[in-house]
Amino acid sequence: MLMSSTVKQTQQLSSNHGLFSLRGSLLTLAILTLLSFTFLSLKYSTPSPQVSVAKIVDPEVKELNDEEEGGEELSDVYHSPRVFKLNYAEMMEKFKVYIYPDGDPKTFYQTPRKLTGKYASEGYFFQNIRESSFRTLDPDQAHLFFIPISCHKMRGKGTSYDNMTIIVQNYVEGLIAKYPYWNRTLGADHFFVTCHDVGVRATEGLPFLIKNTIRAVCSPSYDVGFIPHKDVALPQVLQPFALPAGGNDIENRTNLGFWAGHRNSKIRVILARVWENDTELDISNNRISRATGHLVYQKRFYRTKFCICPGGSQVNSARIADSIHYGCIPVILSNYYDLPFNDILDWSKFAVILKESDVYQLKQILKNISHDEFVSLHNNLVKIQKHFQWNTPPVSYDAFHMVMYDLWLRHHTIKY
């Protein structure tokens, strides 16, 4: 009996042990299964964290960028230097533009404007786009479509504004009828370029062209219906420059301010009347005559800290690009001027932006800028000179590429 009882107890213990072992295995399996599902759920259901632009640039790329653009000083000039770098690289790799081939090249189409004078920017763009890697002969690859028409050339041939409007209208309507590309977006992925103000006036009679297309113009103000998030401010540059670029010449800049020009706007009339007899501001109410000496006007830029840039018949002026080239801090006197590359460059870092009403306190405003602040403005100005230089063939980061970058940004907003 004792032996029988012992055997039964042993069997019961063995059975309980097996039960506990089975339960333990099932519990372990359940825990592992739960952990596995939790891991997979986190892996495939949780959105990946957004990587900031600051982190996406690896050390090697950052070092390369620093070497190209002066390192951390990028932040003094650009709104977002690393975003600019990344987007610029993407643009260079992907951006394609189709140029409409229609039109008589002996008249107003497909013909570069002359590459001299204060409206040279238009001619440089016409020529640069044709010889750049952005051009594609396959419209199906194009992000944007260029309407190549030179209103300034029409004006040079004595064409009236009314006739210019008719010519532009007939040309654009011909493109719409012949090609399917305009109708896909009602022209939102089309653009045209005009630096001369006649180009703006000649297209005012075509509301669908102004409202729908991207306009790259030298007179970017609300007076001409400029739409900042759609249109592009084309820098008006007087090329070729008569003298080399100003650089590390701060000690030579002993004059406080300088302006000389025609009084063809209200702000210029006030500027000349208030300050033309001042002993610290060099203000002339007429352009400097060539009879006074060779390149006297340009040489004044080298000796001046701040160059006054009031708008003329329009808000734009080639004097702004002149000031930048010669190393003289531009003083923008305008109530509404969407400055070129304003969404890329922080103009407050290399220019003085004033309202027209500030003209009466102009001298005191400039004198209140400390020497250290002036040095910082000047150093930043030298960094961005290349962005306001046109070249043929185009050079990376020059005016042409900056305009293309602005167009690249605009094309992302197009809704098909």
Protein backbone atom coordinates (compact mmCIF):
# COMPACT_ATOMS: atom_id res chain seq x y z
CA MET A 1 0.00 0.00 0.00
CA LEU A 2 2.76 2.38 0.92
CA MET A 3 4.59 1.64 -2.30
CA SER A 4 1.38 2.09 -4.31
CA SER A 5 0.72 5.46 -2.66
CA THR A 6 4.27 6.61 -3.34
CA VAL A 7 3.96 5.67 -7.01
CA LYS A 8 0.69 7.62 -7.33
CA GLN A 9 2.23 10.70 -5.72
CA THR A 10 5.21 10.47 -8.02
CA GLN A 11 2.92 10.22 -11.09
CA GLN A 12 0.83 13.18 -9.86
CA LEU A 13 3.93 15.32 -9.34
CA SER A 14 5.19 14.37 -12.75
CA SER A 15 1.80 15.21 -14.26
CA ASN A 16 1.69 18.59 -12.46
CA HIS A 17 5.23 19.33 -13.56
CA GLY A 18 4.30 18.61 -17.18
CA LEU A 19 1.23 20.82 -16.84
CA PHE A 20 3.27 23.67 -15.41
CA SER A 21 5.85 23.17 -18.14
CA LEU A 22 3.15 23.31 -20.84
CA ARG A 23 1.57 26.37 -19.32
CA GLY A 24 4.98 28.04 -19.11
CA SER A 25 5.72 27.28 -22.71
CA LEU A 26 2.34 28.63 -23.81
CA LEU A 27 2.84 31.77 -21.72
CA THR A 28 6.31 32.30 -23.16
CA LEU A 29 4.98 31.78 -26.67
CA ALA A 30 2.18 34.26 -26.04
CA ILE A 31 4.60 36.87 -24.75
CA LEU A 32 6.91 36.42 -27.75
CA THR A 33 3.96 36.61 -30.13
CA LEU A 34 2.75 39.80 -28.47
CA LEU A 35 6.19 41.35 -28.68
CA SER A 36 6.49 40.37 -32.33
CA PHE A 37 3.14 41.93 -33.25
CA THR A 38 4.00 45.05 -31.27
CA PHE A 39 7.32 45.41 -33.10
CA LEU A 40 5.73 44.89 -36.52
CA SER A 41 2.95 47.30 -35.68
CA LEU A 42 5.43 49.99 -34.71
CA LYS A 43 7.54 49.32 -37.76
CA TYR A 44 4.82 49.44 -40.40
CA SER A 45 2.08 51.55 -38.83
CA THR A 46 3.95 54.43 -37.21
CA PRO A 47 4.98 57.23 -39.61
CA SER A 48 8.70 57.71 -39.96
CA PRO A 49 9.99 60.76 -38.17
CA GLN A 50 10.59 63.78 -40.41
CA VAL A 51 14.25 64.40 -41.03
CA SER A 52 15.15 68.05 -40.82
CA VAL A 53 17.21 69.66 -43.54
CA ALA A 54 19.89 70.40 -40.99
CA LYS A 55 20.34 66.68 -40.32
CA ILE A 56 20.09 65.47 -43.89
CA VAL A 57 23.39 67.08 -44.85
CA ASP A 58 26.16 64.69 -43.94
CA PRO A 59 29.55 66.00 -42.80
CA GLU A 60 31.18 65.51 -46.20
CA VAL A 61 28.45 67.47 -47.98
CA LYS A 62 28.56 70.16 -45.31
CA GLU A 63 32.31 70.48 -45.69
CA LEU A 64 31.91 70.79 -49.46
CA ASN A 65 29.22 73.44 -49.04
CA ASP A 66 31.38 75.34 -46.57
CA GLU A 67 34.28 75.38 -49.01
CA GLU A 68 32.08 76.64 -51.83
CA GLU A 69 30.17 79.35 -49.99
CA GLY A 70 32.31 80.43 -47.07
CA GLY A 71 31.11 78.06 -44.37
CA GLU A 72 28.83 79.21 -41.58
CA GLU A 73 28.69 82.71 -43.09
CA LEU A 74 26.00 81.36 -45.41
CA SER A 75 23.45 82.11 -42.69
CA ASP A 76 24.24 85.83 -42.95
CA VAL A 77 23.03 86.06 -46.54
CA TYR A 78 20.54 83.28 -47.32
CA HIS A 79 17.21 82.70 -45.61
CA SER A 80 17.85 78.96 -45.48
CA PRO A 81 21.26 78.10 -46.92
CA ARG A 82 21.03 74.32 -46.73
CA VAL A 83 17.55 74.20 -48.21
CA PHE A 84 18.85 76.42 -51.01
CA LYS A 85 21.79 74.09 -51.58
CA LEU A 86 19.65 70.97 -51.72
CA ASN A 87 16.96 72.49 -53.94
CA TYR A 88 19.58 74.01 -56.22
CA ALA A 89 21.25 70.63 -56.69
CA GLU A 90 17.89 69.04 -57.48
CA MET A 91 17.15 71.79 -60.00
CA MET A 92 20.46 71.30 -61.78
CA GLU A 93 19.76 67.59 -62.06
CA LYS A 94 16.10 67.58 -63.07
CA PHE A 95 14.79 70.93 -64.35
CA LYS A 96 13.79 71.00 -68.03
CA VAL A 97 12.30 73.82 -70.10
CA TYR A 98 10.78 73.60 -73.55
CA ILE A 99 11.16 76.65 -75.82
CA TYR A 100 8.41 77.10 -78.38
CA PRO A 101 10.02 77.04 -81.83
CA ASP A 102 7.31 79.04 -83.61
CA GLY A 103 7.72 82.58 -84.85
CA ASP A 104 9.89 84.32 -87.39
CA PRO A 105 13.42 84.53 -85.95
CA LYS A 106 14.06 87.65 -88.06
CA THR A 107 11.34 89.60 -86.27
CA PHE A 108 10.54 89.30 -82.58
CA TYR A 109 10.87 85.63 -81.73
CA GLN A 110 13.83 83.43 -80.84
CA THR A 111 16.20 86.39 -81.18
CA PRO A 112 18.39 87.33 -78.20
CA ARG A 113 18.23 90.94 -77.14
CA LYS A 114 21.47 92.85 -77.33
CA LEU A 115 23.75 91.99 -74.42
CA THR A 116 24.51 95.60 -73.49
CA GLY A 117 22.57 98.42 -71.90
CA LYS A 118 20.25 98.57 -68.92
CA TYR A 119 17.88 95.97 -70.38
CA ALA A 120 20.61 93.42 -71.10
CA SER A 121 19.11 90.95 -68.60
CA GLU A 122 16.42 90.05 -71.12
CA GLY A 123 18.95 89.32 -73.85
CA TYR A 124 21.21 87.32 -71.55
CA PHE A 125 18.31 85.15 -70.45
CA PHE A 126 17.23 84.48 -74.06
CA GLN A 127 20.75 83.42 -74.97
CA ASN A 128 21.53 81.55 -71.75
CA ILE A 129 18.43 79.37 -71.81
CA ARG A 130 19.28 78.14 -75.29
CA GLU A 131 22.83 77.13 -74.40
CA SER A 132 22.04 75.68 -70.98
CA SER A 133 21.40 72.11 -69.90
CA PHE A 134 17.87 73.09 -68.85
CA ARG A 135 16.62 73.20 -72.41
CA THR A 136 14.85 70.11 -73.73
CA LEU A 137 13.59 69.46 -77.25
CA ASP A 138 11.05 67.00 -75.88
CA PRO A 139 7.99 68.86 -74.54
CA ASP A 140 6.88 65.74 -72.66
CA GLN A 141 9.97 66.10 -70.43
CA ALA A 142 9.40 69.79 -69.72
CA HIS A 143 8.45 71.20 -66.36
CA LEU A 144 7.89 74.67 -67.85
CA PHE A 145 7.30 76.15 -71.32
CA PHE A 146 9.09 79.34 -72.40
CA ILE A 147 7.24 81.84 -74.61
CA PRO A 148 10.17 83.57 -76.39
CA ILE A 149 8.96 86.98 -77.47
CA SER A 150 10.89 90.25 -77.17
CA CYS A 151 8.62 93.25 -76.78
CA HIS A 152 11.62 95.54 -76.44
CA LYS A 153 12.72 94.55 -79.91
CA MET A 154 9.27 95.44 -81.24
CA ARG A 155 9.54 98.85 -79.60
CA GLY A 156 12.92 99.34 -81.22
CA LYS A 157 11.28 98.83 -84.60
CA GLY A 158 8.75 101.54 -83.83
CA THR A 159 5.80 99.23 -83.14
CA SER A 160 3.03 100.92 -81.13
CA TYR A 161 1.79 99.47 -77.84
CA ASP A 162 -1.56 98.59 -79.41
CA ASN A 163 0.12 96.74 -82.25
CA MET A 164 2.50 95.01 -79.86
CA THR A 165 -0.44 93.73 -77.86
CA ILE A 166 -2.03 92.38 -81.04
CA ILE A 167 1.22 90.68 -82.10
CA VAL A 168 1.65 89.03 -78.68
CA GLN A 169 -1.99 87.97 -78.59
CA ASN A 170 -1.87 86.42 -82.08
CA TYR A 171 1.34 84.61 -81.22
CA VAL A 172 0.10 83.16 -77.92
CA GLU A 173 -3.29 82.21 -79.35
CA GLY A 174 -1.43 80.45 -82.18
CA LEU A 175 0.54 78.41 -79.62
CA ILE A 176 -2.67 77.51 -77.80
CA ALA A 177 -4.31 76.31 -80.99
CA LYS A 178 -1.30 74.38 -82.28
CA TYR A 179 -0.05 72.69 -79.10
CA PRO A 180 -1.90 70.90 -76.27
CA TYR A 181 0.38 72.11 -73.47
CA TRP A 182 -1.27 75.42 -72.62
CA ASN A 183 -4.69 73.86 -72.20
CA ARG A 184 -3.45 71.34 -69.61
CA THR A 185 -2.90 74.11 -67.06
CA LEU A 186 -4.39 77.18 -68.78
CA GLY A 187 -0.84 78.46 -69.10
CA ALA A 188 0.20 78.02 -65.46
CA ASP A 189 3.34 76.11 -66.53
CA HIS A 190 4.28 78.75 -69.11
CA PHE A 191 6.48 81.81 -68.59
CA PHE A 192 7.83 84.78 -70.49
CA VAL A 193 10.68 87.21 -69.76
CA THR A 194 10.74 90.95 -70.23
CA CYS A 195 13.05 93.49 -68.63
CA HIS A 196 11.95 96.60 -70.50
CA ASP A 197 8.77 98.20 -69.16
CA VAL A 198 7.29 98.13 -72.66
CA GLY A 199 7.07 94.36 -72.30
CA VAL A 200 4.85 94.79 -69.27
CA ARG A 201 2.67 97.36 -71.04
CA ALA A 202 2.44 95.28 -74.21
CA THR A 203 1.03 92.31 -72.33
CA GLU A 204 -1.41 94.25 -70.15
CA GLY A 205 -4.05 93.80 -72.83
CA LEU A 206 -3.92 90.02 -72.40
CA PRO A 207 -5.43 89.29 -68.95
CA PHE A 208 -5.12 85.51 -69.38
CA LEU A 209 -1.38 85.89 -70.00
CA ILE A 210 -0.85 88.11 -66.94
CA LYS A 211 -3.01 86.10 -64.54
CA ASN A 212 -2.04 82.58 -65.61
CA THR A 213 1.59 82.52 -66.73
CA ILE A 214 4.74 83.11 -64.71
CA ARG A 215 6.09 86.57 -65.55
CA ALA A 216 9.80 87.24 -65.12
CA VAL A 217 9.94 91.04 -65.15
CA CYS A 218 12.33 93.81 -64.12
CA SER A 219 9.53 95.96 -62.69
CA PRO A 220 8.09 93.76 -59.94
CA SER A 221 5.62 96.03 -58.14
CA TYR A 222 1.95 95.93 -57.35
CA ASP A 223 1.45 98.79 -59.80
CA VAL A 224 1.91 96.33 -62.67
CA GLY A 225 -0.02 93.51 -61.04
CA PHE A 226 3.05 91.57 -59.91
CA ILE A 227 2.07 88.44 -57.95
CA PRO A 228 5.05 87.45 -55.71
CA HIS A 229 4.21 83.77 -55.22
CA LYS A 230 3.70 83.30 -58.98
CA ASP A 231 5.91 85.80 -60.78
CA VAL A 232 9.68 86.28 -60.72
CA ALA A 233 11.65 89.49 -60.18
CA LEU A 234 14.25 89.69 -62.93
CA PRO A 235 17.35 91.67 -61.86
CA GLN A 236 17.95 94.66 -64.10
CA VAL A 237 21.69 94.68 -64.73
CA LEU A 238 23.65 97.19 -66.79
CA GLN A 239 26.30 95.07 -68.50
CA PRO A 240 29.06 94.88 -69.33
CA PHE A 241 30.28 96.56 -66.17
CA ALA A 242 32.75 99.33 -66.95
CA LEU A 243 35.04 98.56 -64.00
CA PRO A 244 35.92 95.47 -61.90
CA ALA A 245 33.87 94.42 -58.90
CA GLY A 246 34.47 96.19 -55.60
CA GLY A 247 35.87 94.01 -52.86
CA ASN A 248 37.87 94.44 -49.67
CA ASP A 249 38.13 98.22 -50.05
CA ILE A 250 36.29 99.48 -46.98
CA GLU A 251 39.03 101.95 -46.04
CA ASN A 252 38.56 103.76 -49.38
CA ARG A 253 34.84 104.40 -48.81
CA THR A 254 34.89 107.81 -47.16
CA ASN A 255 31.70 109.29 -48.69
CA LEU A 256 28.48 108.62 -46.79
CA GLY A 257 25.99 108.43 -49.66
CA PHE A 258 25.74 108.94 -53.42
CA TRP A 259 23.09 109.33 -56.11
CA ALA A 260 23.07 110.95 -59.53
CA GLY A 261 20.32 110.63 -62.08
CA HIS A 262 17.27 112.04 -63.81
CA ARG A 263 14.34 113.28 -61.75
CA ASN A 264 11.80 111.08 -63.52
CA SER A 265 9.79 110.05 -60.45
CA LYS A 266 8.31 111.72 -57.39
CA ILE A 267 10.79 110.14 -54.99
CA ARG A 268 13.74 111.29 -57.10
CA VAL A 269 12.43 114.84 -57.19
CA ILE A 270 12.14 114.87 -53.39
CA LEU A 271 15.58 113.24 -52.95
CA ALA A 272 17.26 115.86 -55.11
CA ARG A 273 15.38 118.80 -53.59
CA VAL A 274 16.08 117.82 -49.98
CA TRP A 275 19.71 116.69 -50.23
CA GLU A 276 21.41 118.13 -53.33
CA ASN A 277 23.21 120.83 -51.31
CA ASP A 278 24.20 118.60 -48.41
CA THR A 279 27.91 118.38 -47.55
CA GLU A 280 27.87 114.71 -46.48
CA LEU A 281 25.56 113.24 -49.11
CA ASP A 282 26.72 113.41 -52.73
CA ILE A 283 23.38 113.98 -54.47
CA SER A 284 23.10 115.26 -58.05
CA ASN A 285 19.80 115.99 -59.74
CA ASN A 286 21.21 115.10 -63.15
CA ARG A 287 23.37 112.34 -64.53
CA ILE A 288 27.08 112.99 -64.42
CA SER A 289 28.24 114.23 -67.82
CA ARG A 290 30.93 112.25 -69.57
CA ALA A 291 32.64 115.57 -70.19
CA THR A 292 33.67 115.72 -66.54
CA GLY A 293 36.00 112.76 -67.01
CA HIS A 294 36.26 109.08 -67.90
CA LEU A 295 33.92 106.82 -65.89
CA VAL A 296 33.44 109.45 -63.17
CA TYR A 297 29.99 108.07 -62.32
CA GLN A 298 31.22 104.48 -61.83
CA LYS A 299 34.25 105.57 -59.82
CA ARG A 300 31.99 107.32 -57.30
CA PHE A 301 30.66 103.91 -56.26
CA TYR A 302 34.14 102.84 -55.14
CA ARG A 303 34.44 105.79 -52.74
CA THR A 304 30.98 105.58 -51.19
CA LYS A 305 29.53 103.54 -48.34
CA PHE A 306 25.84 103.76 -49.27
CA CYS A 307 24.43 104.21 -52.77
CA ILE A 308 20.88 105.55 -52.92
CA CYS A 309 18.56 103.58 -55.23
CA PRO A 310 15.22 105.34 -55.75
CA GLY A 311 12.83 104.00 -58.36
CA GLY A 312 12.44 105.81 -61.66
CA SER A 313 9.44 105.53 -63.97
CA GLN A 314 9.10 102.07 -62.39
CA VAL A 315 10.33 100.74 -59.04
CA ASN A 316 13.30 99.00 -60.64
CA SER A 317 16.68 100.50 -61.37
CA ALA A 318 19.92 99.17 -62.79
CA ARG A 319 21.60 101.23 -60.06
CA ILE A 320 20.88 98.45 -57.56
CA ALA A 321 22.97 95.91 -59.47
CA ASP A 322 25.63 98.59 -60.07
CA SER A 323 25.85 99.23 -56.33
CA ILE A 324 26.17 95.53 -55.61
CA HIS A 325 28.87 95.06 -58.26
CA TYR A 326 30.96 98.01 -57.10
CA GLY A 327 30.64 97.11 -53.42
CA CYS A 328 28.47 100.06 -52.38
CA ILE A 329 25.61 99.18 -49.99
CA PRO A 330 22.35 99.74 -51.92
CA VAL A 331 19.76 101.87 -50.12
CA ILE A 332 16.36 100.89 -51.52
CA LEU A 333 13.88 103.77 -51.43
CA SER A 334 10.54 102.22 -52.35
CA ASN A 335 7.17 101.49 -50.81
CA TYR A 336 6.63 98.27 -52.78
CA TYR A 337 9.46 96.55 -54.58
CA ASP A 338 9.64 92.76 -54.64
CA LEU A 339 13.42 92.63 -54.82
CA PRO A 340 15.13 90.03 -57.04
CA PHE A 341 15.67 86.66 -55.31
CA ASN A 342 13.85 88.00 -52.25
CA ASP A 343 12.73 84.49 -51.31
CA ILE A 344 16.33 83.25 -51.39
CA LEU A 345 18.46 86.14 -50.15
CA ASP A 346 17.99 88.09 -46.94
CA TRP A 347 18.38 91.61 -48.32
CA SER A 348 18.55 93.10 -44.85
CA LYS A 349 21.98 91.48 -44.51
CA PHE A 350 23.55 93.44 -47.40
CA ALA A 351 21.23 96.37 -48.14
CA VAL A 352 19.27 99.11 -46.40
CA ILE A 353 15.54 98.92 -47.12
CA LEU A 354 13.60 102.15 -46.56
CA LYS A 355 10.17 103.55 -47.31
CA GLU A 356 9.91 106.60 -49.53
CA SER A 357 8.84 108.69 -46.55
CA ASP A 358 12.24 107.97 -44.95
CA VAL A 359 13.91 110.20 -47.54
CA TYR A 360 13.59 113.19 -45.19
CA GLN A 361 15.62 111.41 -42.47
CA LEU A 362 17.97 109.73 -44.95
CA LYS A 363 21.25 111.18 -43.70
CA GLN A 364 20.53 110.49 -40.03
CA ILE A 365 19.44 106.92 -40.81
CA LEU A 366 22.72 106.24 -42.62
CA LYS A 367 24.82 107.94 -39.94
CA ASN A 368 23.15 105.80 -37.28
CA ILE A 369 24.54 102.66 -38.92
CA SER A 370 27.68 101.81 -36.95
CA HIS A 371 31.01 100.99 -38.54
CA ASP A 372 30.73 97.35 -37.51
CA GLU A 373 27.27 97.12 -39.07
CA PHE A 374 28.57 98.69 -42.26
CA VAL A 375 31.47 96.23 -42.39
CA SER A 376 29.05 93.32 -41.99
CA LEU A 377 26.79 94.65 -44.76
CA HIS A 378 29.75 95.15 -47.06
CA ASN A 379 31.21 91.69 -46.44
CA ASN A 380 27.84 90.10 -47.14
CA LEU A 381 27.45 92.22 -50.25
CA VAL A 382 30.67 90.84 -51.69
CA LYS A 383 29.37 87.30 -51.18
CA ILE A 384 26.28 87.80 -53.33
CA GLN A 385 27.86 89.79 -56.19
CA LYS A 386 27.99 86.67 -58.36
CA HIS A 387 24.19 86.32 -58.16
CA PHE A 388 23.80 89.64 -60.02
CA GLN A 389 26.26 88.88 -62.81
CA TRP A 390 25.15 87.60 -66.22
CA ASN A 391 27.55 85.44 -68.19
CA THR A 392 27.65 83.75 -71.55
CA PRO A 393 27.83 80.84 -71.34
CA PRO A 394 26.09 80.90 -67.94
CA VAL A 395 28.08 80.12 -64.79
CA SER A 396 26.72 78.31 -61.74
CA TYR A 397 25.02 80.59 -59.19
CA ASP A 398 25.04 83.58 -61.56
CA ALA A 399 21.97 85.70 -62.33
CA PHE A 400 20.68 83.25 -64.92
CA HIS A 401 20.82 80.28 -62.55
CA MET A 402 19.19 82.29 -59.77
CA VAL A 403 16.30 83.17 -62.09
CA MET A 404 16.03 79.52 -63.10
CA TYR A 405 15.99 78.57 -59.42
CA ASP A 406 13.09 80.94 -58.82
CA LEU A 407 11.28 79.39 -61.79
CA TRP A 408 12.02 75.94 -60.38
CA LEU A 409 10.42 76.93 -57.08
CA ARG A 410 7.38 78.36 -58.88
CA HIS A 411 6.75 75.25 -60.94
CA HIS A 412 6.08 73.25 -57.76
CA THR A 413 2.95 75.31 -57.11
CA ILE A 414 1.32 74.43 -60.44
CA LYS A 415 -1.87 72.41 -60.11
CA TYR A 416 -2.70 70.14 -63.01
